[in-house]
């Protein structure tokens, strides 16, 4: 007979309590404003960075807490209780961008992008969905890339990109024929935000 232990580890409980207390003080008072006027609380993300709860799965050498995905999920649950909008932004930048770059990038990319993302001083977006490619984002992708000498030229449109209006870094997927690659773009590197889409939160 297999026995399962569903009790949370002590350090995960400690993180949960800290995130709950911080969210009740920092996020709950802003939650109505966030949803009504689509306000993005940059200051909240910077405070979460100082508390080392933005990117819990990132090792300590890059400013993270070096903890597991369970703890990150518990933190996300607590944040989302006070604001689903902040929870979604937290999840997108932490898992889809920062953790992705840490796991798949080289050391230079980790130092250049992961560290400032973990601190909360920079915001990131994952750019996958397109006007004609959502649930089948890879199969319908039209954003292309081509190499020109030492440079890559990327052309395409992305839509419904979480955090895009305030992001500094854009982890962007593009295709060349039937192959796909990911590129880290910066706002100064040719990314243009055309408009802010009105949505729920």
C-alpha atoms as a PDB file:
ATOM      1  CA  UNK A   1       0.000   0.000   0.000  1.00  0.00           C
ATOM      2  CA  UNK A   2       1.375   3.387  -1.032  1.00  0.00           C
ATOM      3  CA  UNK A   3       0.976   6.221   1.444  1.00  0.00           C
ATOM      4  CA  UNK A   4       0.864   9.780   0.142  1.00  0.00           C
ATOM      5  CA  UNK A   5       1.916  12.790   2.153  1.00  0.00           C
ATOM      6  CA  UNK A   6      -0.068  15.841   1.070  1.00  0.00           C
ATOM      7  CA  UNK A   7       1.430  18.146   3.683  1.00  0.00           C
ATOM      8  CA  UNK A   8       3.459  21.031   2.304  1.00  0.00           C
ATOM      9  CA  UNK A   9       7.162  21.304   3.210  1.00  0.00           C
ATOM     10  CA  UNK A  10       7.916  23.866   5.924  1.00  0.00           C
ATOM     11  CA  UNK A  11       9.809  26.167   3.543  1.00  0.00           C
ATOM     12  CA  UNK A  12       6.894  26.137   1.084  1.00  0.00           C
ATOM     13  CA  UNK A  13       4.502  27.045   3.901  1.00  0.00           C
ATOM     14  CA  UNK A  14       6.820  29.908   4.873  1.00  0.00           C
ATOM     15  CA  UNK A  15       6.817  31.216   1.288  1.00  0.00           C
ATOM     16  CA  UNK A  16       3.033  30.848   1.082  1.00  0.00           C
ATOM     17  CA  UNK A  17       2.552  32.885   4.251  1.00  0.00           C
ATOM     18  CA  UNK A  18       4.984  35.567   3.132  1.00  0.00           C
ATOM     19  CA  UNK A  19       3.340  35.875  -0.318  1.00  0.00           C
ATOM     20  CA  UNK A  20      -0.124  35.969   1.271  1.00  0.00           C
ATOM     21  CA  UNK A  21       0.864  38.773   3.635  1.00  0.00           C
ATOM     22  CA  UNK A  22       2.648  40.736   0.910  1.00  0.00           C
ATOM     23  CA  UNK A  23      -0.222  40.317  -1.580  1.00  0.00           C
ATOM     24  CA  UNK A  24      -2.836  41.461   0.920  1.00  0.00           C
ATOM     25  CA  UNK A  25      -0.832  44.646   1.553  1.00  0.00           C
ATOM     26  CA  UNK A  26       0.521  45.433  -1.909  1.00  0.00           C
ATOM     27  CA  UNK A  27      -1.870  43.893  -4.445  1.00  0.00           C
ATOM     28  CA  UNK A  28      -5.357  43.876  -2.908  1.00  0.00           C
ATOM     29  CA  UNK A  29      -5.596  47.695  -2.571  1.00  0.00           C
ATOM     30  CA  UNK A  30      -4.747  48.020  -6.287  1.00  0.00           C
ATOM     31  CA  UNK A  31      -6.830  45.124  -7.635  1.00  0.00           C
ATOM     32  CA  UNK A  32      -9.866  47.196  -8.638  1.00  0.00           C
ATOM     33  CA  UNK A  33      -7.714  49.822 -10.357  1.00  0.00           C
ATOM     34  CA  UNK A  34      -5.746  47.098 -12.166  1.00  0.00           C
ATOM     35  CA  UNK A  35      -8.906  45.642 -13.703  1.00  0.00           C
ATOM     36  CA  UNK A  36     -10.872  48.829 -14.334  1.00  0.00           C
ATOM     37  CA  UNK A  37      -8.195  50.925 -16.028  1.00  0.00           C
ATOM     38  CA  UNK A  38      -5.750  48.152 -17.017  1.00  0.00           C
ATOM     39  CA  UNK A  39      -3.114  49.515 -14.675  1.00  0.00           C
ATOM     40  CA  UNK A  40       0.122  47.534 -14.548  1.00  0.00           C
ATOM     41  CA  UNK A  41       1.670  47.706 -11.040  1.00  0.00           C
ATOM     42  CA  UNK A  42       5.373  47.854 -11.890  1.00  0.00           C
ATOM     43  CA  UNK A  43       6.188  48.796  -8.300  1.00  0.00           C
ATOM     44  CA  UNK A  44       4.577  45.573  -7.038  1.00  0.00           C
ATOM     45  CA  UNK A  45       6.801  43.467  -9.284  1.00  0.00           C
ATOM     46  CA  UNK A  46       9.897  45.300  -8.045  1.00  0.00           C
ATOM     47  CA  UNK A  47       8.869  44.611  -4.440  1.00  0.00           C
ATOM     48  CA  UNK A  48       8.276  40.937  -5.260  1.00  0.00           C
ATOM     49  CA  UNK A  49      11.777  40.870  -6.761  1.00  0.00           C
ATOM     50  CA  UNK A  50      13.260  42.158  -3.515  1.00  0.00           C
ATOM     51  CA  UNK A  51      11.396  39.451  -1.608  1.00  0.00           C
ATOM     52  CA  UNK A  52      12.793  36.819  -4.018  1.00  0.00           C
ATOM     53  CA  UNK A  53       9.330  35.547  -4.941  1.00  0.00           C
ATOM     54  CA  UNK A  54       9.229  36.619  -8.592  1.00  0.00           C
ATOM     55  CA  UNK A  55      11.237  33.714  -9.932  1.00  0.00           C
ATOM     56  CA  UNK A  56      11.278  31.114  -7.190  1.00  0.00           C
ATOM     57  CA  UNK A  57      12.674  28.335  -9.410  1.00  0.00           C
ATOM     58  CA  UNK A  58      15.754  30.318 -10.503  1.00  0.00           C
ATOM     59  CA  UNK A  59      18.981  29.452  -8.597  1.00  0.00           C
ATOM     60  CA  UNK A  60      20.260  31.838  -5.950  1.00  0.00           C
ATOM     61  CA  UNK A  61      23.324  32.759  -8.017  1.00  0.00           C
ATOM     62  CA  UNK A  62      20.980  34.614 -10.393  1.00  0.00           C
ATOM     63  CA  UNK A  63      18.941  36.193  -7.608  1.00  0.00           C
ATOM     64  CA  UNK A  64      16.193  33.561  -7.348  1.00  0.00           C
ATOM     65  CA  UNK A  65      15.187  31.397  -4.420  1.00  0.00           C
ATOM     66  CA  UNK A  66      16.312  28.069  -5.936  1.00  0.00           C
ATOM     67  CA  UNK A  67      13.057  26.351  -4.952  1.00  0.00           C
ATOM     68  CA  UNK A  68      10.723  23.949  -6.740  1.00  0.00           C
ATOM     69  CA  UNK A  69       7.704  24.349  -9.042  1.00  0.00           C
ATOM     70  CA  UNK A  70       5.306  23.343  -6.268  1.00  0.00           C
ATOM     71  CA  UNK A  71       6.374  26.374  -4.252  1.00  0.00           C
ATOM     72  CA  UNK A  72       6.075  28.599  -7.318  1.00  0.00           C
ATOM     73  CA  UNK A  73       2.560  27.240  -7.899  1.00  0.00           C
ATOM     74  CA  UNK A  74       1.572  27.953  -4.296  1.00  0.00           C
ATOM     75  CA  UNK A  75       2.921  31.514  -4.627  1.00  0.00           C
ATOM     76  CA  UNK A  76       0.940  31.975  -7.848  1.00  0.00           C
ATOM     77  CA  UNK A  77      -2.208  30.733  -6.110  1.00  0.00           C
ATOM     78  CA  UNK A  78      -1.789  33.259  -3.291  1.00  0.00           C
ATOM     79  CA  UNK A  79      -1.133  36.177  -5.657  1.00  0.00           C
ATOM     80  CA  UNK A  80      -4.102  35.239  -7.849  1.00  0.00           C
ATOM     81  CA  UNK A  81      -6.414  35.200  -4.845  1.00  0.00           C
ATOM     82  CA  UNK A  82      -5.891  38.960  -4.558  1.00  0.00           C
ATOM     83  CA  UNK A  83      -5.669  39.679  -8.309  1.00  0.00           C
ATOM     84  CA  UNK A  84      -6.054  37.183 -11.141  1.00  0.00           C
ATOM     85  CA  UNK A  85      -4.540  39.782 -13.466  1.00  0.00           C
ATOM     86  CA  UNK A  86      -1.336  40.103 -11.447  1.00  0.00           C
ATOM     87  CA  UNK A  87      -1.258  36.318 -11.092  1.00  0.00           C
ATOM     88  CA  UNK A  88      -1.364  35.865 -14.864  1.00  0.00           C
ATOM     89  CA  UNK A  89       1.400  38.436 -15.396  1.00  0.00           C
ATOM     90  CA  UNK A  90       3.462  36.809 -12.645  1.00  0.00           C
ATOM     91  CA  UNK A  91       3.023  33.349 -14.180  1.00  0.00           C
ATOM     92  CA  UNK A  92       3.750  34.447 -17.754  1.00  0.00           C
ATOM     93  CA  UNK A  93       6.948  36.309 -16.944  1.00  0.00           C
ATOM     94  CA  UNK A  94       8.212  33.783 -14.389  1.00  0.00           C
ATOM     95  CA  UNK A  95       7.523  30.475 -16.113  1.00  0.00           C
ATOM     96  CA  UNK A  96       7.211  31.282 -19.802  1.00  0.00           C
ATOM     97  CA  UNK A  97      10.040  33.824 -19.966  1.00  0.00           C
ATOM     98  CA  UNK A  98      12.544  33.803 -17.084  1.00  0.00           C
ATOM     99  CA  UNK A  99      12.554  30.067 -16.386  1.00  0.00           C
ATOM    100  CA  UNK A 100      12.559  29.366 -20.128  1.00  0.00           C
ATOM    101  CA  UNK A 101      15.616  31.558 -20.764  1.00  0.00           C
ATOM    102  CA  UNK A 102      17.406  30.114 -17.726  1.00  0.00           C
ATOM    103  CA  UNK A 103      16.850  26.516 -18.848  1.00  0.00           C
ATOM    104  CA  UNK A 104      17.503  26.983 -22.560  1.00  0.00           C
ATOM    105  CA  UNK A 105      19.813  30.001 -22.786  1.00  0.00           C
ATOM    106  CA  UNK A 106      23.570  30.162 -22.516  1.00  0.00           C
ATOM    107  CA  UNK A 107      25.507  31.793 -19.686  1.00  0.00           C
ATOM    108  CA  UNK A 108      25.733  35.167 -21.426  1.00  0.00           C
ATOM    109  CA  UNK A 109      21.954  35.236 -21.923  1.00  0.00           C
ATOM    110  CA  UNK A 110      21.350  34.227 -18.316  1.00  0.00           C
ATOM    111  CA  UNK A 111      23.456  37.096 -17.025  1.00  0.00           C
ATOM    112  CA  UNK A 112      22.018  39.631 -19.465  1.00  0.00           C
ATOM    113  CA  UNK A 113      18.327  38.722 -19.173  1.00  0.00           C
ATOM    114  CA  UNK A 114      17.599  36.375 -16.255  1.00  0.00           C
ATOM    115  CA  UNK A 115      19.200  38.445 -13.490  1.00  0.00           C
ATOM    116  CA  UNK A 116      17.333  41.715 -14.258  1.00  0.00           C
ATOM    117  CA  UNK A 117      14.071  39.783 -14.709  1.00  0.00           C
ATOM    118  CA  UNK A 118      14.480  38.089 -11.325  1.00  0.00           C
ATOM    119  CA  UNK A 119      15.109  41.441  -9.632  1.00  0.00           C
ATOM    120  CA  UNK A 120      11.831  42.846 -10.950  1.00  0.00           C
ATOM    121  CA  UNK A 121      13.635  45.704 -12.677  1.00  0.00           C
ATOM    122  CA  UNK A 122      12.727  44.276 -16.085  1.00  0.00           C
ATOM    123  CA  UNK A 123       9.522  42.693 -17.407  1.00  0.00           C
ATOM    124  CA  UNK A 124       9.349  39.942 -20.014  1.00  0.00           C
ATOM    125  CA  UNK A 125       6.825  38.571 -22.520  1.00  0.00           C
ATOM    126  CA  UNK A 126       6.526  35.298 -24.395  1.00  0.00           C
ATOM    127  CA  UNK A 127       5.542  36.096 -27.992  1.00  0.00           C
ATOM    128  CA  UNK A 128       3.950  33.016 -29.531  1.00  0.00           C
ATOM    129  CA  UNK A 129       0.280  33.679 -30.365  1.00  0.00           C
ATOM    130  CA  UNK A 130      -0.475  35.369 -33.707  1.00  0.00           C
ATOM    131  CA  UNK A 131      -3.644  36.806 -35.295  1.00  0.00           C
ATOM    132  CA  UNK A 132      -4.097  33.544 -37.215  1.00  0.00           C
ATOM    133  CA  UNK A 133      -2.329  31.126 -34.887  1.00  0.00           C
ATOM    134  CA  UNK A 134      -3.544  30.651 -31.330  1.00  0.00           C
ATOM    135  CA  UNK A 135      -4.417  27.145 -30.188  1.00  0.00           C
ATOM    136  CA  UNK A 136      -2.241  25.817 -33.024  1.00  0.00           C
ATOM    137  CA  UNK A 137       0.449  28.443 -32.546  1.00  0.00           C
ATOM    138  CA  UNK A 138       3.274  26.522 -34.217  1.00  0.00           C
ATOM    139  CA  UNK A 139       1.268  25.014 -37.072  1.00  0.00           C
ATOM    140  CA  UNK A 140      -0.190  28.359 -38.119  1.00  0.00           C
ATOM    141  CA  UNK A 141       2.818  30.554 -37.343  1.00  0.00           C
ATOM    142  CA  UNK A 142       3.645  33.120 -40.024  1.00  0.00           C
ATOM    143  CA  UNK A 143       6.410  35.033 -38.254  1.00  0.00           C
ATOM    144  CA  UNK A 144       9.618  34.209 -40.094  1.00  0.00           C
ATOM    145  CA  UNK A 145      13.321  34.664 -39.613  1.00  0.00           C
ATOM    146  CA  UNK A 146      16.270  34.628 -41.976  1.00  0.00           C
ATOM    147  CA  UNK A 147      19.959  35.000 -41.437  1.00  0.00           C
ATOM    148  CA  UNK A 148      21.872  37.860 -43.012  1.00  0.00           C
ATOM    149  CA  UNK A 149      25.540  37.514 -42.152  1.00  0.00           C
ATOM    150  CA  UNK A 150      25.864  37.717 -38.355  1.00  0.00           C
ATOM    151  CA  UNK A 151      22.319  39.064 -37.961  1.00  0.00           C
ATOM    152  CA  UNK A 152      18.813  37.628 -38.023  1.00  0.00           C
ATOM    153  CA  UNK A 153      15.901  39.439 -39.638  1.00  0.00           C
ATOM    154  CA  UNK A 154      12.528  38.632 -38.070  1.00  0.00           C
ATOM    155  CA  UNK A 155       9.207  39.667 -39.606  1.00  0.00           C
ATOM    156  CA  UNK A 156       5.732  39.011 -38.247  1.00  0.00           C
ATOM    157  CA  UNK A 157       2.873  39.907 -35.951  1.00  0.00           C
ATOM    158  CA  UNK A 158       2.053  38.596 -32.492  1.00  0.00           C
ATOM    159  CA  UNK A 159      -1.157  39.239 -30.545  1.00  0.00           C
ATOM    160  CA  UNK A 160      -2.633  38.780 -27.042  1.00  0.00           C
ATOM    161  CA  UNK A 161       0.879  38.856 -25.571  1.00  0.00           C
ATOM    162  CA  UNK A 162       0.758  39.075 -21.778  1.00  0.00           C
ATOM    163  CA  UNK A 163       2.783  42.031 -20.405  1.00  0.00           C
ATOM    164  CA  UNK A 164       3.660  43.319 -23.912  1.00  0.00           C
ATOM    165  CA  UNK A 165       2.782  47.006 -23.306  1.00  0.00           C
ATOM    166  CA  UNK A 166       5.271  47.207 -20.415  1.00  0.00           C
ATOM    167  CA  UNK A 167       7.847  44.561 -21.350  1.00  0.00           C
ATOM    168  CA  UNK A 168      11.549  45.147 -21.841  1.00  0.00           C
ATOM    169  CA  UNK A 169      12.359  41.669 -23.219  1.00  0.00           C
ATOM    170  CA  UNK A 170      10.376  39.578 -25.699  1.00  0.00           C
ATOM    171  CA  UNK A 171      11.051  35.837 -26.022  1.00  0.00           C
ATOM    172  CA  UNK A 172       9.785  35.477 -29.592  1.00  0.00           C
ATOM    173  CA  UNK A 173       9.206  32.390 -31.714  1.00  0.00           C
ATOM    174  CA  UNK A 174       9.651  32.441 -35.485  1.00  0.00           C
ATOM    175  CA  UNK A 175      10.016  29.897 -38.267  1.00  0.00           C
ATOM    176  CA  UNK A 176      12.258  29.239 -41.222  1.00  0.00           C
ATOM    177  CA  UNK A 177      10.495  26.701 -43.400  1.00  0.00           C
ATOM    178  CA  UNK A 178       9.518  23.867 -41.067  1.00  0.00           C
ATOM    179  CA  UNK A 179      12.023  24.689 -38.327  1.00  0.00           C
ATOM    180  CA  UNK A 180      11.338  26.974 -35.362  1.00  0.00           C
ATOM    181  CA  UNK A 181      13.662  29.085 -33.243  1.00  0.00           C
ATOM    182  CA  UNK A 182      13.321  31.351 -30.228  1.00  0.00           C
ATOM    183  CA  UNK A 183      14.866  34.815 -30.132  1.00  0.00           C
ATOM    184  CA  UNK A 184      15.237  37.256 -27.251  1.00  0.00           C
ATOM    185  CA  UNK A 185      14.311  40.696 -28.534  1.00  0.00           C
ATOM    186  CA  UNK A 186      14.433  44.014 -26.732  1.00  0.00           C
ATOM    187  CA  UNK A 187      12.075  46.936 -27.091  1.00  0.00           C
ATOM    188  CA  UNK A 188      14.934  48.963 -28.550  1.00  0.00           C
ATOM    189  CA  UNK A 189      15.729  46.205 -31.056  1.00  0.00           C
ATOM    190  CA  UNK A 190      12.824  46.804 -33.422  1.00  0.00           C
ATOM    191  CA  UNK A 191       9.771  45.562 -31.493  1.00  0.00           C
ATOM    192  CA  UNK A 192       6.774  47.829 -32.021  1.00  0.00           C
ATOM    193  CA  UNK A 193       3.684  47.694 -29.807  1.00  0.00           C
ATOM    194  CA  UNK A 194       0.810  48.775 -32.063  1.00  0.00           C
ATOM    195  CA  UNK A 195      -2.016  49.033 -29.555  1.00  0.00           C
ATOM    196  CA  UNK A 196      -3.218  47.969 -26.137  1.00  0.00           C
ATOM    197  CA  UNK A 197      -6.067  45.453 -26.380  1.00  0.00           C
ATOM    198  CA  UNK A 198      -9.014  45.998 -24.019  1.00  0.00           C
ATOM    199  CA  UNK A 199      -9.780  42.813 -22.125  1.00  0.00           C
ATOM    200  CA  UNK A 200     -11.001  41.389 -18.835  1.00  0.00           C
ATOM    201  CA  UNK A 201      -8.366  42.644 -16.409  1.00  0.00           C
END
